Amino acid sequence: MLCQSLRRFGLKLVRRHTLEEEETKLESVRSLSTLDLVVLGVDRIIGAGVYVLAGEVVSNQAGPSIATCFLVAGIVSMLAGLCYAEFSARVPCSGSAYLYTFITVGEFWAFITGWNLILSCVAYVVTVIQAWTLTFDNLFGKQISQTLHESVSQHVSQVFGDKLDFFSVVLLWCLIEIQDLRSRGFFVVSKVITLMKFLFLSFVIISGFIKGDLHNWTLTEEDYVKAGLNYTSTLGPLGSGGFVPFGFKGILRGSATCFYAFIGFTIIVTRIEETQNPQSSIPRGIVISLFFCFLMYFGVSVGLTLMVPYYKFQPGNTLPEAFLHIGWTPAYHVVAFGFLCSFAGIFRNFISPTRWVIYRMAQDGLLFPVLVKIYTGTYTSIVADMIFGITAAIMVFFFGLTDLMDLSSIGTLISYSLVAFCVLIVRYQPERKNEGNEAEVQQQDIPTPETLTLQGLLFPGSPTPTPLSGRVVYVCSSLLALLIILLCLVLAQWPDLFSGDPVWISVVVVLLVLITGLTGVIWRQPQSSRPLPFKVPALPLLPLLSIFVNVCLMMQMTAATWARFGVWMLIGFAIYFAYGIQRSFYPT
């Protein structure tokens, strides 16, 4: 009886979403070209990150090597983008990581993905709000913050009065309704905003090379003394100088934070039904937009660190303030004005996907049915404003910019890892034709049972995937994900590992051998021959590499970030196991 109960419980966790209902929906007007998708991706990716990362990363995490951090973060995002591109070619409807995991690995992992996407989007929007208010306040000589501090801090706790929190919350609630603009009309505005971002960031890059000084990449302790920073016998928080003042660990930590700047390309896969040729345009749009944004971020970071010594940046500084250091006050006002003008587009780009994920999860029965009204109810704005606004307001009051960026990054990294895991599995599964004449990946009944043998494990007799080979890949992929997590935990002990300790080295070697062996087993299994316009190359290595680098970046997060993330996940698990698992609309 206990075994049967556990089996029923386990089957509930892996209930899968089918695409039959999605495929029968009426198609939208297909009007978006590849160029439109690139513009859409660039508009969403280039957001608040590039304006606030200077103060959060340059000052105490990476220094001039922030350019390297953007390179690492860009590679991580590109690997994830390739995985998304294959799913966009495989799934014939608009989706996200939530839908992809629901189709491939089941309900429980889909809930985790959707719950993390909500966290990531909300944290991103709150970061945008804080960055906007900070920039706006700086334009007026910080008179707003001083007034709030004098009038508010005397009556409430210091945590509420020291920042522009009240102003941020008011701005948040006032601008939530901007997402209700008609999509096509706003898309024209998005093109204008994207062009404006490109012009302003190009101005920053050119200014950096005009006013830049290579000596800012080779600073020494003597430079700190000349600058009047000789208050300590050691450099301390200033690092060791040079291009990498905080060492390799600083690059990893900075990359984890810089990853925040690349969040957003997934907006492209939600526009499949509006795209003229989605199976080719979606992959191209993802890759081109990510590459273009990397070039912009890399150029801005190089120009910025050449223009201003890294130790002059402080947490809370924004990109335009670099021009104050070189005496270009008019340029400061121009760049700050550009960010303020692009704020509405950044805000809407993350409000709308958040509502979409909440709506889909509620529609699937994993969240409360009242949340379906976010899209369909008469009181749409009331329901959405209450849920989103309260959560965001809590984050505004209690989290700083770095905390919010880390929360947004960790939620997205987990979602990207699950999508890479799904790509690794889905290519090796057998296919069955549905009534709609579309191939859906799932196990199918066969007349004779298969037997697993060592020879069959390494030399499968079938050229096409079978239920047995599909189960082998599923089990091996799950073990690989666990081993990769363990390997990243060990590698996080960087000083101990390279001190020559034989215990740590032995553990790494054992883990690498096991990972290599399981990867070889997956490589030997037959892949699906279903033709697709785009497939992730070098399977199974590339998805595994994506999972590895994602987990490595997550290991760079602070204990406080993991504690906040743990609280968020506990809330999610309470909702799922108390409500969602019983009310899901999909049969066991």
Protein backbone atom coordinates (compact mmCIF):
# COMPACT_ATOMS: atom_id res chain seq x y z
CA MET A 1 0.00 0.00 0.00
CA LEU A 2 2.82 2.39 0.88
CA CYS A 3 4.63 1.58 -2.37
CA GLN A 4 1.47 2.26 -4.37
CA SER A 5 0.96 5.58 -2.61
CA LEU A 6 4.54 6.61 -3.29
CA ARG A 7 4.18 5.55 -6.91
CA ARG A 8 1.02 7.61 -7.36
CA PHE A 9 2.74 10.56 -5.70
CA GLY A 10 5.75 10.21 -8.00
CA LEU A 11 3.54 9.99 -11.09
CA LYS A 12 1.87 13.24 -10.09
CA LEU A 13 5.25 14.98 -10.05
CA VAL A 14 6.04 13.95 -13.64
CA ARG A 15 2.66 14.66 -15.24
CA ARG A 16 3.38 16.20 -18.63
CA HIS A 17 1.71 18.92 -20.60
CA THR A 18 0.51 18.05 -24.12
CA LEU A 19 0.58 20.38 -27.08
CA GLU A 20 -2.69 19.25 -28.64
CA GLU A 21 -4.65 22.14 -27.11
CA GLU A 22 -1.99 24.67 -28.07
CA GLU A 23 -1.86 23.44 -31.67
CA THR A 24 -5.61 23.82 -32.17
CA LYS A 25 -5.62 27.53 -31.24
CA LEU A 26 -6.16 30.08 -33.97
CA GLU A 27 -2.96 31.53 -35.30
CA SER A 28 -2.15 35.17 -34.71
CA VAL A 29 -1.30 37.57 -37.49
CA ARG A 30 2.27 36.68 -38.48
CA SER A 31 3.95 40.01 -39.03
CA LEU A 32 7.33 39.85 -37.26
CA SER A 33 10.50 39.34 -39.29
CA THR A 34 13.93 38.26 -38.09
CA LEU A 35 14.97 41.92 -37.81
CA ASP A 36 11.90 42.64 -35.68
CA LEU A 37 12.85 39.79 -33.33
CA VAL A 38 16.43 41.06 -33.08
CA VAL A 39 15.14 44.52 -32.19
CA LEU A 40 12.78 42.98 -29.65
CA GLY A 41 15.59 40.94 -28.07
CA VAL A 42 18.04 43.85 -27.97
CA ASP A 43 15.41 46.13 -26.48
CA ARG A 44 14.78 43.71 -23.64
CA ILE A 45 18.37 42.59 -23.03
CA ILE A 46 19.90 46.07 -22.93
CA GLY A 47 18.15 47.33 -19.83
CA ALA A 48 19.04 48.61 -16.42
CA GLY A 49 21.98 46.22 -16.08
CA VAL A 50 24.42 48.22 -18.14
CA TYR A 51 23.56 51.37 -16.15
CA VAL A 52 24.01 49.96 -12.63
CA LEU A 53 26.67 47.26 -12.98
CA ALA A 54 29.51 49.80 -12.96
CA GLY A 55 29.01 50.65 -9.33
CA GLU A 56 28.13 47.11 -8.23
CA VAL A 57 30.78 45.10 -10.10
CA VAL A 58 33.69 47.40 -11.01
CA SER A 59 34.20 48.81 -7.52
CA ASN A 60 34.54 45.65 -5.43
CA GLN A 61 34.19 42.55 -7.60
CA ALA A 62 36.11 42.74 -10.87
CA GLY A 63 37.66 46.15 -11.52
CA PRO A 64 38.74 46.60 -15.17
CA SER A 65 38.23 42.85 -15.74
CA ILE A 66 34.48 43.52 -15.89
CA ALA A 67 35.00 43.22 -19.65
CA THR A 68 36.03 39.59 -19.07
CA CYS A 69 33.00 39.13 -16.83
CA PHE A 70 30.73 40.25 -19.65
CA LEU A 71 32.50 37.80 -21.97
CA VAL A 72 31.89 34.89 -19.59
CA ALA A 73 28.28 35.95 -18.96
CA GLY A 74 27.73 36.33 -22.71
CA ILE A 75 29.02 32.82 -23.41
CA VAL A 76 26.75 31.41 -20.71
CA SER A 77 23.76 33.21 -22.21
CA MET A 78 24.67 32.08 -25.73
CA LEU A 79 24.77 28.43 -24.63
CA ALA A 80 21.33 28.84 -23.07
CA GLY A 81 20.12 30.68 -26.16
CA LEU A 82 21.04 27.73 -28.39
CA CYS A 83 19.00 25.41 -26.17
CA TYR A 84 16.03 27.76 -26.34
CA ALA A 85 16.45 27.96 -30.11
CA GLU A 86 16.06 24.18 -30.52
CA PHE A 87 12.91 24.15 -28.43
CA SER A 88 11.49 27.06 -30.42
CA ALA A 89 11.99 24.96 -33.57
CA ARG A 90 10.52 21.88 -31.88
CA VAL A 91 7.48 23.38 -30.11
CA PRO A 92 5.01 24.98 -32.55
CA CYS A 93 3.58 27.56 -30.12
CA SER A 94 4.74 30.50 -28.05
CA GLY A 95 6.30 29.36 -24.83
CA SER A 96 8.98 29.75 -22.23
CA ALA A 97 11.17 27.59 -20.02
CA TYR A 98 8.02 26.78 -18.04
CA LEU A 99 6.28 25.22 -21.04
CA TYR A 100 9.41 23.44 -22.27
CA THR A 101 10.06 21.73 -18.94
CA PHE A 102 6.36 20.85 -18.56
CA ILE A 103 6.45 19.07 -21.92
CA THR A 104 9.73 17.24 -21.27
CA VAL A 105 10.29 16.42 -17.59
CA GLY A 106 6.93 17.02 -15.98
CA GLU A 107 4.88 19.14 -13.63
CA PHE A 108 7.13 19.47 -10.57
CA TRP A 109 10.13 20.79 -12.49
CA ALA A 110 7.85 23.02 -14.54
CA PHE A 111 6.53 24.57 -11.33
CA ILE A 112 10.08 25.19 -10.10
CA THR A 113 10.94 26.80 -13.44
CA GLY A 114 7.87 29.01 -13.51
CA TRP A 115 8.26 30.02 -9.88
CA ASN A 116 11.89 31.03 -10.53
CA LEU A 117 10.92 32.96 -13.66
CA ILE A 118 8.48 34.98 -11.57
CA LEU A 119 11.24 35.74 -9.06
CA SER A 120 13.67 36.71 -11.80
CA CYS A 121 11.28 39.05 -13.58
CA VAL A 122 10.00 40.74 -10.41
CA ALA A 123 13.54 41.26 -9.09
CA TYR A 124 14.59 42.69 -12.45
CA VAL A 125 11.71 45.16 -12.53
CA VAL A 126 12.45 46.30 -8.97
CA THR A 127 16.10 46.83 -9.96
CA VAL A 128 14.97 48.97 -12.88
CA ILE A 129 12.76 51.01 -10.54
CA GLN A 130 15.59 51.61 -8.08
CA ALA A 131 18.08 52.44 -10.83
CA TRP A 132 15.65 54.90 -12.40
CA THR A 133 14.90 56.69 -9.15
CA LEU A 134 18.62 56.80 -8.30
CA THR A 135 19.46 58.32 -11.68
CA PHE A 136 16.56 60.77 -11.45
CA ASP A 137 17.65 61.82 -7.97
CA ASN A 138 21.25 62.35 -9.09
CA LEU A 139 20.09 64.63 -11.91
CA PHE A 140 18.68 66.98 -9.28
CA GLY A 141 21.71 66.87 -7.03
CA LYS A 142 20.18 64.26 -4.71
CA GLN A 143 17.69 66.82 -3.42
CA ILE A 144 14.85 64.25 -3.50
CA SER A 145 16.66 61.74 -1.31
CA GLN A 146 17.77 64.45 1.10
CA THR A 147 14.21 65.76 1.41
CA LEU A 148 12.85 62.25 1.99
CA HIS A 149 15.56 61.55 4.53
CA GLU A 150 14.82 64.72 6.46
CA SER A 151 11.02 64.38 6.38
CA VAL A 152 10.56 60.61 6.52
CA SER A 153 13.49 59.21 8.46
CA GLN A 154 12.45 61.13 11.57
CA HIS A 155 9.15 59.28 11.73
CA VAL A 156 9.89 55.74 10.50
CA SER A 157 12.59 53.14 10.81
CA GLN A 158 15.93 53.90 9.20
CA VAL A 159 15.52 51.00 6.73
CA PHE A 160 12.59 52.88 5.19
CA GLY A 161 14.04 56.35 5.21
CA ASP A 162 17.59 56.13 3.95
CA LYS A 163 16.70 55.31 0.36
CA LEU A 164 14.28 56.46 -2.28
CA ASP A 165 12.07 53.51 -1.38
CA PHE A 166 8.85 55.44 -1.01
CA PHE A 167 9.38 57.20 -4.32
CA SER A 168 10.24 53.87 -5.98
CA VAL A 169 7.06 52.18 -4.74
CA VAL A 170 4.86 55.05 -5.88
CA LEU A 171 6.53 55.00 -9.29
CA LEU A 172 6.09 51.23 -9.47
CA TRP A 173 2.35 51.34 -8.84
CA CYS A 174 1.82 54.27 -11.21
CA LEU A 175 3.56 52.62 -14.15
CA ILE A 176 2.28 49.03 -13.89
CA GLU A 177 -0.55 49.94 -16.25
CA ILE A 178 1.88 50.78 -19.05
CA GLN A 179 1.94 47.11 -20.00
CA ASP A 180 -1.68 47.35 -21.16
CA LEU A 181 -0.66 49.29 -24.28
CA ARG A 182 -1.46 47.51 -27.51
CA SER A 183 1.42 45.24 -28.46
CA ARG A 184 1.87 46.32 -32.04
CA GLY A 185 1.71 50.02 -31.24
CA PHE A 186 4.23 49.60 -28.48
CA PHE A 187 6.49 47.57 -30.76
CA VAL A 188 6.97 50.63 -32.95
CA VAL A 189 7.95 52.57 -29.83
CA SER A 190 10.35 49.73 -28.92
CA LYS A 191 12.23 50.24 -32.17
CA VAL A 192 12.71 53.91 -31.36
CA ILE A 193 13.81 53.13 -27.80
CA THR A 194 16.25 50.46 -29.04
CA LEU A 195 17.81 52.91 -31.48
CA MET A 196 18.12 55.47 -28.70
CA LYS A 197 19.85 52.95 -26.43
CA PHE A 198 22.28 52.10 -29.21
CA LEU A 199 23.14 55.76 -29.79
CA PHE A 200 23.66 56.55 -26.11
CA LEU A 201 25.80 53.46 -25.43
CA SER A 202 27.82 54.10 -28.60
CA PHE A 203 28.47 57.59 -27.23
CA VAL A 204 29.76 56.04 -23.99
CA ILE A 205 32.07 53.69 -25.92
CA ILE A 206 33.48 56.47 -28.12
CA SER A 207 33.92 58.76 -25.11
CA GLY A 208 35.82 56.03 -23.30
CA PHE A 209 38.32 55.66 -26.10
CA ILE A 210 38.71 59.43 -26.45
CA LYS A 211 39.23 60.12 -22.75
CA GLY A 212 40.61 56.69 -21.89
CA ASP A 213 43.97 56.01 -20.29
CA LEU A 214 45.53 52.53 -20.43
CA HIS A 215 47.21 53.29 -17.13
CA ASN A 216 43.84 52.73 -15.45
CA TRP A 217 44.28 49.02 -16.26
CA THR A 218 47.69 48.86 -14.59
CA LEU A 219 47.14 50.70 -11.32
CA THR A 220 49.52 50.01 -8.45
CA GLU A 221 49.66 50.88 -4.76
CA GLU A 222 51.57 54.05 -5.60
CA ASP A 223 48.57 55.29 -7.60
CA TYR A 224 46.32 54.74 -4.60
CA VAL A 225 48.72 56.71 -2.41
CA LYS A 226 48.80 59.57 -4.91
CA ALA A 227 45.01 59.54 -4.97
CA GLY A 228 44.93 59.96 -1.20
CA LEU A 229 43.86 56.38 -0.46
CA ASN A 230 46.84 55.59 1.77
CA TYR A 231 44.69 55.24 4.87
CA THR A 232 45.69 51.61 5.24
CA SER A 233 48.88 49.63 4.90
CA THR A 234 47.17 47.17 2.55
CA LEU A 235 44.92 47.76 -0.41
CA GLY A 236 42.11 45.87 1.31
CA PRO A 237 38.82 46.47 -0.50
CA LEU A 238 40.66 48.07 -3.42
CA GLY A 239 42.16 44.74 -4.47
CA SER A 240 45.69 44.18 -5.70
CA GLY A 241 45.66 46.57 -8.64
CA GLY A 242 46.21 45.84 -12.31
CA PHE A 243 43.62 44.58 -14.77
CA VAL A 244 42.37 41.85 -12.41
CA PRO A 245 42.58 43.49 -8.97
CA PHE A 246 40.33 40.95 -7.27
CA GLY A 247 41.79 37.82 -8.86
CA PHE A 248 40.11 34.97 -10.69
CA LYS A 249 37.51 34.64 -7.96
CA GLY A 250 36.55 38.27 -8.59
CA ILE A 251 36.00 37.47 -12.27
CA LEU A 252 33.72 34.56 -11.39
CA ARG A 253 31.78 36.60 -8.86
CA GLY A 254 31.53 39.50 -11.28
CA SER A 255 30.38 37.16 -14.08
CA ALA A 256 27.57 35.89 -11.86
CA THR A 257 26.39 39.46 -11.34
CA CYS A 258 26.98 40.53 -14.96
CA PHE A 259 24.82 37.64 -16.11
CA TYR A 260 21.93 39.80 -14.93
CA ALA A 261 22.58 42.09 -17.90
CA PHE A 262 21.83 39.34 -20.44
CA ILE A 263 18.46 38.32 -19.02
CA GLY A 264 15.72 38.94 -21.52
CA PHE A 265 16.32 37.13 -24.80
CA THR A 266 13.59 34.64 -23.90
CA ILE A 267 11.02 37.29 -24.91
CA ILE A 268 11.71 36.15 -28.47
CA VAL A 269 10.31 32.63 -27.95
CA THR A 270 7.02 34.08 -26.70
CA ARG A 271 6.44 35.61 -30.16
CA ILE A 272 6.46 32.40 -32.23
CA GLU A 273 2.82 32.75 -33.22
CA GLU A 274 3.45 36.30 -34.48
CA THR A 275 6.58 35.46 -36.50
CA GLN A 276 6.50 35.03 -40.27
CA ASN A 277 8.98 32.14 -40.37
CA PRO A 278 9.45 31.13 -36.71
CA GLN A 279 11.47 27.97 -37.22
CA SER A 280 14.36 29.91 -38.74
CA SER A 281 13.74 33.45 -37.48
CA ILE A 282 13.56 32.54 -33.78
CA PRO A 283 17.04 30.88 -33.57
CA ARG A 284 18.58 33.67 -35.64
CA GLY A 285 16.90 36.34 -33.55
CA ILE A 286 18.20 34.81 -30.30
CA VAL A 287 21.80 34.38 -31.48
CA ILE A 288 22.10 37.75 -33.24
CA SER A 289 20.54 39.75 -30.41
CA LEU A 290 22.76 38.10 -27.79
CA PHE A 291 25.90 38.66 -29.86
CA PHE A 292 25.04 42.29 -30.55
CA CYS A 293 24.31 42.97 -26.88
CA PHE A 294 27.59 41.34 -25.86
CA LEU A 295 29.48 43.67 -28.22
CA MET A 296 27.72 46.68 -26.70
CA TYR A 297 28.33 45.57 -23.10
CA PHE A 298 31.96 44.71 -23.82
CA GLY A 299 32.58 48.07 -25.48
CA VAL A 300 30.88 50.01 -22.67
CA SER A 301 32.85 48.16 -19.97
CA VAL A 302 36.16 48.73 -21.77
CA GLY A 303 35.44 52.42 -22.37
CA LEU A 304 34.21 52.93 -18.83
CA THR A 305 37.25 51.40 -17.09
CA LEU A 306 39.63 53.22 -19.41
CA MET A 307 37.90 56.51 -18.70
CA VAL A 308 37.68 56.26 -14.88
CA PRO A 309 39.91 54.38 -12.38
CA TYR A 310 37.91 51.51 -10.97
CA TYR A 311 38.37 52.56 -7.34
CA LYS A 312 36.41 55.76 -7.98
CA PHE A 313 33.23 53.80 -8.56
CA GLN A 314 31.10 53.12 -5.51
CA PRO A 315 28.11 50.82 -4.99
CA GLY A 316 25.05 52.76 -6.05
CA ASN A 317 26.87 54.67 -8.80
CA THR A 318 25.27 54.57 -12.23
CA LEU A 319 26.83 54.63 -15.67
CA PRO A 320 26.23 58.35 -16.38
CA GLU A 321 28.21 59.35 -13.27
CA ALA A 322 31.40 58.31 -15.02
CA PHE A 323 31.17 61.54 -17.03
CA LEU A 324 31.19 63.58 -13.84
CA HIS A 325 34.62 62.11 -13.03
CA ILE A 326 36.07 63.38 -16.32
CA GLY A 327 34.30 66.74 -16.13
CA TRP A 328 31.81 66.16 -18.94
CA THR A 329 28.72 67.37 -17.10
CA PRO A 330 26.58 67.89 -20.25
CA ALA A 331 27.36 64.31 -21.32
CA TYR A 332 26.25 63.11 -17.90
CA HIS A 333 22.86 64.75 -18.37
CA VAL A 334 22.50 63.37 -21.91
CA VAL A 335 23.23 59.75 -20.96
CA ALA A 336 21.09 59.95 -17.82
CA PHE A 337 18.24 61.37 -19.87
CA GLY A 338 18.60 58.48 -22.32
CA PHE A 339 18.19 55.94 -19.54
CA LEU A 340 15.18 57.74 -18.09
CA CYS A 341 13.49 57.81 -21.50
CA SER A 342 14.08 54.08 -22.10
CA PHE A 343 12.66 53.19 -18.69
CA ALA A 344 9.10 52.59 -19.90
CA GLY A 345 10.24 50.01 -22.46
CA ILE A 346 12.42 48.17 -19.95
CA PHE A 347 9.60 48.11 -17.44
CA ARG A 348 7.00 46.73 -19.84
CA ASN A 349 9.36 44.09 -21.24
CA PHE A 350 9.41 42.31 -17.88
CA ILE A 351 5.93 43.04 -16.55
CA SER A 352 4.20 41.31 -19.46
CA PRO A 353 6.20 38.02 -19.30
CA THR A 354 5.64 37.87 -15.54
CA ARG A 355 1.91 38.07 -16.03
CA TRP A 356 2.10 35.47 -18.81
CA VAL A 357 3.89 32.91 -16.59
CA ILE A 358 1.50 33.49 -13.69
CA TYR A 359 -1.46 33.14 -16.04
CA ARG A 360 -0.18 29.88 -17.56
CA MET A 361 0.59 28.34 -14.17
CA ALA A 362 -2.86 29.28 -12.89
CA GLN A 363 -4.46 27.98 -16.08
CA ASP A 364 -2.67 24.64 -15.55
CA GLY A 365 -3.97 24.47 -11.98
CA LEU A 366 -0.59 24.99 -10.30
CA LEU A 367 -1.53 28.42 -8.92
CA PHE A 368 -4.83 29.78 -7.67
CA PRO A 369 -7.57 30.18 -10.32
CA VAL A 370 -8.15 33.85 -9.47
CA LEU A 371 -4.78 34.54 -11.10
CA VAL A 372 -6.19 33.55 -14.49
CA LYS A 373 -7.96 36.90 -14.38
CA ILE A 374 -4.60 38.53 -14.97
CA TYR A 375 -5.34 37.96 -18.65
CA THR A 376 -9.05 37.22 -18.91
CA GLY A 377 -10.92 38.80 -15.99
CA THR A 378 -12.85 42.05 -15.77
CA TYR A 379 -10.67 43.24 -12.91
CA THR A 380 -7.40 42.38 -14.62
CA SER A 381 -5.37 45.33 -13.36
CA ILE A 382 -6.59 44.96 -9.78
CA VAL A 383 -5.50 41.32 -9.46
CA ALA A 384 -2.18 41.89 -11.23
CA ASP A 385 -1.38 45.11 -9.38
CA MET A 386 -2.02 43.58 -5.96
CA ILE A 387 0.14 40.49 -6.53
CA PHE A 388 2.99 42.11 -8.38
CA GLY A 389 2.97 45.41 -6.51
CA ILE A 390 3.06 43.94 -3.01
CA THR A 391 5.88 41.51 -3.85
CA ALA A 392 7.90 44.23 -5.57
CA ALA A 393 7.32 46.71 -2.76
CA ILE A 394 8.74 44.26 -0.22
CA MET A 395 11.84 43.83 -2.37
CA VAL A 396 12.25 47.59 -2.82
CA PHE A 397 12.30 48.21 0.92
CA PHE A 398 14.53 45.36 2.07
CA PHE A 399 16.91 44.49 -0.80
CA GLY A 400 19.78 46.46 -2.32
CA LEU A 401 20.71 46.59 -5.99
CA THR A 402 23.26 43.78 -5.78
CA ASP A 403 20.83 41.58 -3.83
CA LEU A 404 18.14 42.09 -6.47
CA MET A 405 20.51 41.41 -9.36
CA ASP A 406 21.74 38.22 -7.72
CA LEU A 407 18.18 37.02 -7.07
CA SER A 408 17.24 37.73 -10.67
CA SER A 409 20.35 35.93 -11.92
CA ILE A 410 19.94 32.85 -9.77
CA GLY A 411 16.32 32.39 -10.79
CA THR A 412 17.23 32.68 -14.46
CA LEU A 413 20.28 30.41 -14.19
CA ILE A 414 18.14 27.64 -12.71
CA SER A 415 15.61 28.03 -15.52
CA TYR A 416 18.38 27.95 -18.15
CA SER A 417 19.86 24.82 -16.58
CA LEU A 418 16.52 23.03 -16.70
CA VAL A 419 16.03 23.95 -20.36
CA ALA A 420 19.52 22.58 -21.18
CA PHE A 421 18.64 19.42 -19.25
CA CYS A 422 15.44 19.09 -21.29
CA VAL A 423 17.32 19.46 -24.59
CA LEU A 424 19.70 16.73 -23.45
CA ILE A 425 16.76 14.40 -22.80
CA VAL A 426 14.33 15.23 -25.59
CA ARG A 427 16.70 14.44 -28.48
CA TYR A 428 17.10 10.84 -27.33
CA GLN A 429 13.42 10.02 -26.75
CA PRO A 430 11.20 7.95 -29.08
CA GLU A 431 8.49 9.78 -30.95
CA ARG A 432 4.85 9.06 -31.54
CA LYS A 433 2.58 10.69 -34.07
CA ASN A 434 -0.40 12.54 -32.65
CA GLU A 435 -3.73 13.09 -34.38
CA GLY A 436 -2.52 16.50 -35.46
CA ASN A 437 0.33 14.76 -37.32
CA GLU A 438 2.92 16.38 -35.02
CA ALA A 439 5.64 14.40 -33.27
CA GLU A 440 5.46 14.45 -29.49
CA VAL A 441 8.28 13.08 -27.38
CA GLN A 442 7.08 10.44 -24.95
CA GLN A 443 7.34 6.75 -24.19
CA GLN A 444 5.32 4.43 -26.37
CA ASP A 445 4.20 0.83 -25.89
CA ILE A 446 5.98 -1.86 -27.87
CA PRO A 447 5.05 -5.52 -28.30
CA THR A 448 8.14 -7.02 -26.71
CA PRO A 449 9.96 -5.72 -23.60
CA GLU A 450 13.59 -4.68 -23.91
CA THR A 451 16.36 -5.93 -21.68
CA LEU A 452 19.25 -3.74 -20.60
CA THR A 453 22.68 -5.30 -21.10
CA LEU A 454 26.19 -3.86 -20.98
CA GLN A 455 26.65 -4.48 -24.68
CA GLY A 456 23.30 -2.89 -25.45
CA LEU A 457 24.23 0.06 -23.27
CA LEU A 458 27.33 0.87 -25.29
CA PHE A 459 26.25 -0.56 -28.66
CA PRO A 460 22.49 -0.11 -29.06
CA GLY A 461 20.98 -2.33 -31.70
CA SER A 462 18.36 0.18 -32.88
CA PRO A 463 19.28 3.19 -35.06
CA THR A 464 16.31 5.11 -33.65
CA PRO A 465 15.44 5.87 -30.04
CA THR A 466 13.50 3.24 -28.10
CA PRO A 467 11.74 3.48 -24.73
CA LEU A 468 14.71 1.71 -23.13
CA SER A 469 17.34 4.01 -24.66
CA GLY A 470 15.19 6.98 -23.67
CA ARG A 471 15.10 5.79 -20.05
CA VAL A 472 18.87 5.22 -20.10
CA VAL A 473 19.45 8.82 -21.21
CA TYR A 474 16.98 10.12 -18.62
CA VAL A 475 18.73 8.29 -15.76
CA CYS A 476 22.24 9.15 -16.98
CA SER A 477 21.31 12.82 -17.46
CA SER A 478 19.89 13.00 -13.95
CA LEU A 479 23.06 11.47 -12.50
CA LEU A 480 25.18 13.84 -14.57
CA ALA A 481 23.28 16.86 -13.24
CA LEU A 482 23.92 15.67 -9.69
CA LEU A 483 27.63 15.02 -10.36
CA ILE A 484 28.05 18.43 -12.00
CA ILE A 485 26.57 20.09 -8.93
CA LEU A 486 28.98 18.16 -6.70
CA LEU A 487 31.91 19.06 -8.96
CA CYS A 488 31.01 22.75 -8.84
CA LEU A 489 30.74 22.59 -5.05
CA VAL A 490 34.23 21.13 -4.90
CA LEU A 491 35.64 23.64 -7.39
CA ALA A 492 34.18 26.42 -5.27
CA GLN A 493 36.87 25.46 -2.72
CA TRP A 494 39.44 26.99 -5.06
CA PRO A 495 42.30 27.73 -2.59
CA ASP A 496 42.12 24.25 -1.01
CA LEU A 497 41.96 22.55 -4.39
CA PHE A 498 45.13 24.16 -5.73
CA SER A 499 47.04 23.90 -2.50
CA GLY A 500 47.94 20.33 -3.46
CA ASP A 501 45.59 18.64 -1.00
CA PRO A 502 45.35 15.04 -2.32
CA VAL A 503 41.83 14.57 -0.95
CA TRP A 504 40.32 17.41 -2.96
CA ILE A 505 42.26 16.44 -6.09
CA SER A 506 41.14 12.81 -5.77
CA VAL A 507 37.50 13.87 -5.43
CA VAL A 508 37.75 16.02 -8.56
CA VAL A 509 39.37 13.20 -10.54
CA VAL A 510 36.70 10.69 -9.47
CA LEU A 511 33.91 13.09 -10.38
CA LEU A 512 35.47 13.83 -13.77
CA VAL A 513 35.83 10.12 -14.53
CA LEU A 514 32.19 9.46 -13.64
CA ILE A 515 31.00 12.44 -15.66
CA THR A 516 33.05 11.33 -18.67
CA GLY A 517 31.73 7.78 -18.44
CA LEU A 518 28.07 8.79 -18.23
CA THR A 519 28.53 11.30 -21.04
CA GLY A 520 29.96 8.50 -23.19
CA VAL A 521 26.93 6.31 -22.46
CA ILE A 522 24.56 9.10 -23.55
CA TRP A 523 26.64 9.75 -26.65
CA ARG A 524 26.25 6.11 -27.71
CA GLN A 525 22.45 6.19 -27.59
CA PRO A 526 20.49 6.75 -30.84
CA GLN A 527 19.16 10.24 -31.44
CA SER A 528 15.83 11.23 -32.93
CA SER A 529 15.96 11.65 -36.69
CA ARG A 530 13.12 14.19 -36.71
CA PRO A 531 14.15 17.04 -39.04
CA LEU A 532 14.33 20.45 -37.37
CA PRO A 533 15.41 23.82 -38.76
CA PHE A 534 17.79 24.17 -35.83
CA LYS A 535 19.40 21.67 -33.48
CA VAL A 536 21.88 22.24 -30.68
CA PRO A 537 25.27 21.12 -32.03
CA ALA A 538 27.73 18.80 -30.30
CA LEU A 539 25.15 16.92 -28.26
CA PRO A 540 25.51 15.91 -25.42
CA LEU A 541 28.54 18.13 -24.70
CA LEU A 542 27.01 21.57 -25.26
CA PRO A 543 23.95 21.17 -22.97
CA LEU A 544 26.19 19.65 -20.29
CA LEU A 545 28.62 22.55 -20.66
CA SER A 546 25.69 24.96 -20.31
CA ILE A 547 24.55 23.27 -17.10
CA PHE A 548 28.13 23.27 -15.75
CA VAL A 549 28.78 26.98 -16.31
CA ASN A 550 25.32 27.88 -14.98
CA VAL A 551 25.94 25.96 -11.77
CA CYS A 552 29.45 27.45 -11.47
CA LEU A 553 27.99 30.95 -11.59
CA MET A 554 25.32 30.04 -9.05
CA MET A 555 28.04 28.86 -6.69
CA GLN A 556 29.44 32.41 -6.69
CA MET A 557 26.33 33.79 -5.03
CA THR A 558 26.60 34.79 -1.39
CA ALA A 559 25.08 32.84 1.48
CA ALA A 560 22.60 35.68 2.05
CA THR A 561 21.39 35.40 -1.54
CA TRP A 562 20.89 31.66 -1.16
CA ALA A 563 19.00 32.24 2.09
CA ARG A 564 16.61 34.69 0.36
CA PHE A 565 16.23 32.29 -2.53
CA GLY A 566 15.52 29.45 -0.09
CA VAL A 567 12.70 31.44 1.50
CA TRP A 568 11.19 32.07 -1.93
CA MET A 569 11.38 28.37 -2.81
CA LEU A 570 9.83 27.33 0.51
CA ILE A 571 6.87 29.58 -0.24
CA GLY A 572 6.60 28.01 -3.68
CA PHE A 573 6.80 24.43 -2.41
CA ALA A 574 4.13 25.20 0.20
CA ILE A 575 1.80 26.43 -2.56
CA TYR A 576 2.54 23.48 -4.85
CA PHE A 577 2.24 20.63 -2.34
CA ALA A 578 -0.73 22.16 -0.53
CA TYR A 579 -2.64 23.20 -3.64
CA GLY A 580 -1.07 22.70 -7.07
CA ILE A 581 -0.35 18.99 -6.93
CA GLN A 582 -4.01 18.28 -6.10
CA ARG A 583 -5.57 20.76 -8.55
CA SER A 584 -3.43 20.21 -11.64
CA PHE A 585 -5.55 19.82 -14.78
CA TYR A 586 -3.34 17.11 -16.25
CA PRO A 587 -4.06 13.44 -15.52
CA THR A 588 -1.55 11.15 -13.87
